[in-house]
Amino acid sequence: MYPRISDMLRAWFGIDFPMPIYTYGFMLAVAILTASWLASRELRRLQKIGKLGKLTQKVRDKNGRISQVTLQPSDLMSNITVIAAIAGVIGSKVFYILESPGGDVVAKLFSSGGLTFYGGLIFGTASVLYYVHKKGISGVSLPIFMDALAPTVILAYGIGRIGCHLSGDGDWGIAANLALKPDFLPMWLWADTYPGNIAGEVIPAPGVYPTPLWEFLACFAIYWILVALRNHPFKPGWIFSLYLLLNGLERFFIEKVRVNARFDFLMFQTTQAELIASFLIIVGIVGLVITTRRMTAPEAPSSPTMST
């Protein structure tokens, strides 16, 4: 494993260059920048095909007068990226503390690890929606905006999981059962002992399921499904609803083979992620039911009759 970028340089290229950058943090930055770039491209595409109007924002000058300024999709996404990144990290930490009660809360808050995706998703989404509302940004409806972001969010999540795998932050699966391994799969995709992991744990052979890699592959597949279906004939919000459903299904089933804290909920033993994933599945299904209606093209205005 390569907890820091310097570990990777040393192992791959024999370069002993001190670089105190954590691999997970680096991959998280790559994920955020990639999502921002792809979302900007999608917003520009929607403008070209007429699904997105001119983006404007209310601006107040020093005299208190309000005016409208025109925004480019890249202008909008640059601010949103910063807001989503900061709020996402805070939300990830909060949910991690709630998921793992006890211990030194302050140490957990400022540690390099301990980031829960769903906490980041909830805090990041809420902060972005508040920003769009507070700044009076118009020209894009909320369902269309969420449709544009959905594929990039799932891809960013998958890229972040690569950071989990490279650093070995403990976000792996249960002990691997080699008897169930398909013959066509390489061993590294079925079991890993995560040597030198940042969590400092010794994993006996044959290892545990490399669930971060599985999630990356699943997220990559979901990303391409959403991109392939983005020109659907249904109402705005359909892609985002499908994203919620597929995201929830992916995380719900991966939790079955992941190491995670479980607690009693009603008659079940579950994890925080399973509960949130179940909620996303339900919301996604409801959203698909509501939005699976074909868009009707606006009627052309009738030609005025001329009197003679």
Protein backbone atom coordinates (compact mmCIF):
# COMPACT_ATOMS: atom_id res chain seq x y z
CA MET A 1 0.00 0.00 0.00
CA TYR A 2 1.03 3.61 -0.49
CA PRO A 3 -0.29 5.80 2.35
CA ARG A 4 1.64 8.81 0.97
CA ILE A 5 2.59 9.92 -2.52
CA SER A 6 6.26 9.59 -1.55
CA ASP A 7 5.66 5.88 -0.86
CA MET A 8 4.34 5.46 -4.38
CA LEU A 9 7.28 7.31 -5.96
CA ARG A 10 9.72 5.16 -4.00
CA ALA A 11 8.03 1.87 -4.93
CA TRP A 12 7.33 2.61 -8.59
CA PHE A 13 10.28 4.75 -9.66
CA GLY A 14 12.89 4.32 -6.93
CA ILE A 15 12.72 8.05 -6.17
CA ASP A 16 13.20 8.90 -2.50
CA PHE A 17 11.54 12.31 -2.47
CA PRO A 18 9.78 13.42 0.73
CA MET A 19 6.26 14.45 -0.19
CA PRO A 20 3.94 14.54 2.87
CA ILE A 21 0.77 14.27 0.79
CA TYR A 22 -1.59 11.48 1.72
CA THR A 23 -2.71 9.27 -1.15
CA TYR A 24 -6.35 9.43 -0.11
CA GLY A 25 -6.30 13.22 0.05
CA PHE A 26 -4.64 13.37 -3.36
CA MET A 27 -7.24 11.08 -4.93
CA LEU A 28 -10.00 13.07 -3.24
CA ALA A 29 -8.66 16.22 -4.89
CA VAL A 30 -8.49 14.41 -8.25
CA ALA A 31 -12.10 13.27 -7.76
CA ILE A 32 -13.35 16.79 -6.97
CA LEU A 33 -11.53 18.43 -9.89
CA THR A 34 -12.67 15.72 -12.30
CA ALA A 35 -16.29 16.08 -11.20
CA SER A 36 -16.12 19.88 -11.53
CA TRP A 37 -14.68 19.67 -15.05
CA LEU A 38 -17.20 17.10 -16.25
CA ALA A 39 -20.13 18.99 -14.69
CA SER A 40 -19.04 22.21 -16.42
CA ARG A 41 -18.92 20.36 -19.74
CA GLU A 42 -22.39 18.92 -19.17
CA LEU A 43 -23.86 22.32 -18.31
CA ARG A 44 -22.34 23.76 -21.52
CA ARG A 45 -23.84 20.87 -23.49
CA LEU A 46 -27.25 21.52 -21.98
CA GLN A 47 -26.96 25.18 -22.98
CA LYS A 48 -26.14 24.24 -26.58
CA ILE A 49 -29.17 21.96 -26.92
CA GLY A 50 -31.47 24.51 -25.32
CA LYS A 51 -32.23 22.74 -22.04
CA LEU A 52 -30.35 25.35 -20.01
CA GLY A 53 -31.01 29.06 -20.20
CA LYS A 54 -28.64 31.94 -19.65
CA LEU A 55 -27.20 31.68 -16.15
CA THR A 56 -27.54 34.86 -14.12
CA GLN A 57 -26.79 35.83 -10.55
CA LYS A 58 -28.04 38.68 -8.40
CA VAL A 59 -25.24 40.98 -7.28
CA ARG A 60 -25.55 43.84 -4.79
CA ASP A 61 -23.19 46.81 -5.22
CA LYS A 62 -21.79 49.01 -2.45
CA ASN A 63 -24.86 51.26 -2.66
CA GLY A 64 -27.21 48.33 -2.09
CA ARG A 65 -28.49 48.25 -5.66
CA ILE A 66 -29.14 44.77 -7.08
CA SER A 67 -28.22 43.87 -10.64
CA GLN A 68 -27.99 40.70 -12.71
CA VAL A 69 -24.67 39.41 -14.01
CA THR A 70 -24.26 36.66 -16.59
CA LEU A 71 -22.45 33.49 -15.56
CA GLN A 72 -20.72 30.82 -17.57
CA PRO A 73 -21.13 27.19 -16.45
CA SER A 74 -17.46 27.12 -15.46
CA ASP A 75 -18.00 30.21 -13.26
CA LEU A 76 -20.88 28.50 -11.50
CA MET A 77 -19.02 25.23 -10.99
CA SER A 78 -15.85 26.85 -9.62
CA ASN A 79 -17.75 28.28 -6.65
CA ILE A 80 -19.88 25.18 -6.22
CA THR A 81 -16.79 22.95 -6.22
CA VAL A 82 -15.21 24.85 -3.33
CA ILE A 83 -18.46 24.88 -1.34
CA ALA A 84 -19.16 21.18 -1.96
CA ALA A 85 -15.58 20.21 -1.06
CA ILE A 86 -15.53 22.07 2.26
CA ALA A 87 -19.06 21.07 3.28
CA GLY A 88 -18.45 17.52 2.09
CA VAL A 89 -15.38 17.05 4.27
CA ILE A 90 -17.21 18.48 7.30
CA GLY A 91 -20.21 16.23 6.67
CA SER A 92 -17.97 13.21 6.19
CA LYS A 93 -16.31 13.84 9.53
CA VAL A 94 -19.61 14.38 11.35
CA PHE A 95 -21.09 11.13 10.02
CA TYR A 96 -17.87 9.25 10.79
CA ILE A 97 -18.05 10.40 14.42
CA LEU A 98 -21.73 9.39 14.59
CA GLU A 99 -20.92 6.04 13.01
CA SER A 100 -18.01 5.35 15.40
CA PRO A 101 -19.04 6.74 18.79
CA GLY A 102 -16.57 6.89 21.64
CA GLY A 103 -12.91 7.79 21.72
CA ASP A 104 -11.37 11.22 21.27
CA VAL A 105 -13.86 13.19 19.17
CA VAL A 106 -11.41 16.06 18.57
CA ALA A 107 -8.72 13.64 17.37
CA LYS A 108 -11.22 12.01 14.99
CA LEU A 109 -12.30 15.41 13.69
CA PHE A 110 -8.78 16.47 12.74
CA SER A 111 -7.36 13.08 11.74
CA SER A 112 -6.30 12.40 8.14
CA GLY A 113 -8.76 9.50 7.86
CA GLY A 114 -12.34 8.87 8.86
CA LEU A 115 -14.44 10.21 5.99
CA THR A 116 -17.94 8.87 5.40
CA PHE A 117 -19.27 9.35 1.86
CA TYR A 118 -22.93 9.77 2.69
CA GLY A 119 -22.16 12.48 5.23
CA GLY A 120 -20.25 14.35 2.56
CA LEU A 121 -23.04 13.82 0.02
CA ILE A 122 -25.76 15.15 2.35
CA PHE A 123 -23.80 18.14 3.66
CA GLY A 124 -22.37 18.97 0.22
CA THR A 125 -25.73 18.79 -1.54
CA ALA A 126 -27.50 20.88 1.10
CA SER A 127 -24.75 23.54 0.99
CA VAL A 128 -24.81 23.76 -2.81
CA LEU A 129 -28.60 24.09 -2.91
CA TYR A 130 -28.47 26.81 -0.25
CA TYR A 131 -25.78 28.65 -2.22
CA VAL A 132 -27.78 28.54 -5.46
CA HIS A 133 -30.88 29.82 -3.63
CA LYS A 134 -29.06 32.46 -1.56
CA LYS A 135 -27.19 33.92 -4.54
CA GLY A 136 -30.33 34.12 -6.63
CA ILE A 137 -28.88 32.07 -9.48
CA SER A 138 -31.41 31.56 -12.26
CA GLY A 139 -31.42 30.03 -15.73
CA VAL A 140 -31.28 26.43 -14.56
CA SER A 141 -34.03 24.44 -12.89
CA LEU A 142 -33.09 22.37 -9.87
CA PRO A 143 -34.01 18.99 -11.49
CA ILE A 144 -31.90 19.77 -14.58
CA PHE A 145 -29.01 20.88 -12.40
CA MET A 146 -29.16 17.71 -10.32
CA ASP A 147 -29.33 15.62 -13.51
CA ALA A 148 -26.15 17.31 -14.72
CA LEU A 149 -24.30 16.61 -11.47
CA ALA A 150 -25.44 13.02 -10.90
CA PRO A 151 -22.97 11.19 -13.21
CA THR A 152 -20.03 13.25 -11.97
CA VAL A 153 -20.85 12.62 -8.31
CA ILE A 154 -20.87 8.83 -8.70
CA LEU A 155 -17.62 8.94 -10.70
CA ALA A 156 -15.98 11.14 -8.06
CA TYR A 157 -17.04 8.67 -5.39
CA GLY A 158 -15.42 5.84 -7.34
CA ILE A 159 -12.17 7.79 -7.76
CA GLY A 160 -12.15 8.46 -4.03
CA ARG A 161 -12.41 4.71 -3.42
CA ILE A 162 -9.15 4.26 -5.33
CA GLY A 163 -7.60 6.49 -2.66
CA CYS A 164 -9.05 4.22 0.03
CA HIS A 165 -7.53 1.18 -1.65
CA LEU A 166 -4.08 2.68 -2.24
CA SER A 167 -3.74 3.99 1.30
CA GLY A 168 -5.35 0.98 2.99
CA ASP A 169 -7.47 3.08 5.33
CA GLY A 170 -9.46 0.14 6.71
CA ASP A 171 -12.35 0.52 4.27
CA TRP A 172 -11.99 -3.05 3.03
CA GLY A 173 -14.10 -6.17 3.10
CA ILE A 174 -14.42 -9.22 5.30
CA ALA A 175 -12.09 -12.25 4.99
CA ALA A 176 -12.07 -13.46 1.40
CA ASN A 177 -13.45 -16.90 0.59
CA LEU A 178 -11.19 -18.31 -2.12
CA ALA A 179 -13.60 -21.18 -2.80
CA LEU A 180 -16.04 -18.66 -4.26
CA LYS A 181 -13.49 -16.94 -6.50
CA PRO A 182 -14.35 -17.08 -10.23
CA ASP A 183 -11.52 -18.52 -12.30
CA PHE A 184 -11.38 -15.56 -14.67
CA LEU A 185 -10.71 -13.02 -11.89
CA PRO A 186 -7.09 -12.22 -10.94
CA MET A 187 -6.25 -12.80 -7.28
CA TRP A 188 -5.63 -9.09 -6.58
CA LEU A 189 -9.25 -8.37 -7.48
CA TRP A 190 -10.57 -11.01 -5.06
CA ALA A 191 -8.28 -10.89 -2.00
CA ASP A 192 -5.68 -8.48 -0.63
CA THR A 193 -3.68 -8.34 2.60
CA TYR A 194 -3.07 -4.57 2.26
CA PRO A 195 0.57 -4.68 3.38
CA GLY A 196 1.84 -1.42 4.88
CA ASN A 197 -1.66 0.01 5.15
CA ILE A 198 -2.11 3.36 6.86
CA ALA A 199 -4.46 1.78 9.41
CA GLY A 200 -1.51 -0.26 10.72
CA GLU A 201 -3.45 -3.53 10.70
CA VAL A 202 -1.93 -6.93 9.91
CA ILE A 203 -4.26 -8.94 7.68
CA PRO A 204 -3.57 -12.70 7.49
CA ALA A 205 -3.48 -14.48 4.14
CA PRO A 206 -5.29 -14.91 1.86
CA GLY A 207 -6.62 -11.47 2.72
CA VAL A 208 -9.88 -9.60 2.60
CA TYR A 209 -12.18 -8.59 -0.21
CA PRO A 210 -10.82 -5.41 -1.90
CA THR A 211 -14.21 -3.70 -1.74
CA PRO A 212 -12.82 -0.23 -2.65
CA LEU A 213 -11.83 -1.65 -6.04
CA TRP A 214 -15.23 -3.28 -6.44
CA GLU A 215 -16.93 0.01 -5.67
CA PHE A 216 -14.74 1.85 -8.17
CA LEU A 217 -15.72 -0.58 -10.91
CA ALA A 218 -19.40 -0.37 -9.95
CA CYS A 219 -19.32 3.45 -9.87
CA PHE A 220 -17.53 3.57 -13.22
CA ALA A 221 -20.25 1.36 -14.72
CA ILE A 222 -23.02 3.49 -13.18
CA TYR A 223 -21.35 6.65 -14.54
CA TRP A 224 -21.45 5.32 -18.10
CA ILE A 225 -25.04 4.13 -17.69
CA LEU A 226 -26.12 7.61 -16.61
CA VAL A 227 -24.14 9.28 -19.41
CA ALA A 228 -25.59 6.90 -21.99
CA LEU A 229 -29.14 7.70 -20.82
CA ARG A 230 -28.77 11.46 -20.37
CA ASN A 231 -30.70 12.19 -23.60
CA HIS A 232 -33.75 10.32 -22.32
CA PRO A 233 -37.22 11.60 -23.29
CA PHE A 234 -38.48 11.85 -19.72
CA LYS A 235 -38.94 14.74 -17.32
CA PRO A 236 -36.01 16.54 -15.67
CA GLY A 237 -34.93 14.73 -12.52
CA TRP A 238 -35.13 11.28 -14.13
CA ILE A 239 -31.34 10.85 -14.31
CA PHE A 240 -30.90 12.00 -10.71
CA SER A 241 -33.59 9.58 -9.55
CA LEU A 242 -31.86 6.75 -11.40
CA TYR A 243 -28.57 7.82 -9.79
CA LEU A 244 -30.13 7.61 -6.32
CA LEU A 245 -31.49 4.13 -7.05
CA LEU A 246 -28.23 2.73 -8.49
CA ASN A 247 -26.09 4.43 -5.84
CA GLY A 248 -28.25 3.00 -3.09
CA LEU A 249 -28.22 -0.51 -4.57
CA GLU A 250 -24.45 -0.47 -5.02
CA ARG A 251 -23.75 0.64 -1.47
CA PHE A 252 -26.41 -1.57 0.13
CA PHE A 253 -24.99 -4.77 -1.36
CA ILE A 254 -21.33 -3.85 -0.86
CA GLU A 255 -22.07 -3.35 2.84
CA LYS A 256 -22.82 -7.07 3.08
CA VAL A 257 -19.13 -7.88 2.57
CA ARG A 258 -17.54 -4.81 4.16
CA VAL A 259 -16.09 -4.37 7.64
CA ASN A 260 -18.26 -1.78 9.31
CA ALA A 261 -19.87 -0.96 12.64
CA ARG A 262 -23.33 -2.55 12.95
CA PHE A 263 -26.14 -1.65 15.33
CA ASP A 264 -29.66 -2.80 16.09
CA PHE A 265 -32.44 -1.08 14.18
CA LEU A 266 -35.95 -2.41 14.78
CA MET A 267 -35.57 -6.16 14.15
CA PHE A 268 -32.38 -5.90 12.10
CA GLN A 269 -28.67 -5.52 12.56
CA THR A 270 -27.56 -2.90 10.09
CA THR A 271 -25.00 -0.22 9.35
CA GLN A 272 -25.42 3.51 8.95
CA ALA A 273 -24.63 3.20 5.24
CA GLU A 274 -27.23 0.45 4.73
CA LEU A 275 -29.94 2.63 6.26
CA ILE A 276 -29.06 5.63 4.12
CA ALA A 277 -28.71 3.42 1.03
CA SER A 278 -32.18 1.97 1.68
CA PHE A 279 -33.59 5.49 1.92
CA LEU A 280 -31.90 6.45 -1.37
CA ILE A 281 -33.34 3.37 -3.08
CA ILE A 282 -36.86 4.32 -1.96
CA VAL A 283 -36.45 7.98 -2.97
CA GLY A 284 -34.95 6.92 -6.30
CA ILE A 285 -37.87 4.61 -7.08
CA VAL A 286 -40.41 7.29 -6.16
CA GLY A 287 -38.51 9.82 -8.26
CA LEU A 288 -38.50 7.49 -11.28
CA VAL A 289 -42.24 6.91 -10.94
CA ILE A 290 -42.84 10.68 -10.89
CA THR A 291 -40.44 11.62 -13.70
CA THR A 292 -40.99 8.72 -16.10
CA ARG A 293 -43.33 10.82 -18.18
CA ARG A 294 -42.44 11.80 -21.71
CA MET A 295 -41.74 15.48 -22.23
CA THR A 296 -44.26 17.11 -24.50
CA ALA A 297 -42.92 19.60 -27.00
CA PRO A 298 -44.48 23.03 -26.68
CA GLU A 299 -47.11 23.73 -29.29
CA ALA A 300 -46.10 26.10 -32.05
CA PRO A 301 -48.02 29.38 -31.94
CA SER A 302 -50.77 29.58 -34.52
CA SER A 303 -50.25 32.01 -37.41
CA PRO A 304 -52.36 35.12 -37.08
CA THR A 305 -55.17 35.42 -39.63
CA MET A 306 -55.17 38.48 -41.85
CA SER A 307 -58.42 40.24 -42.46
CA THR A 308 -59.17 41.37 -45.95
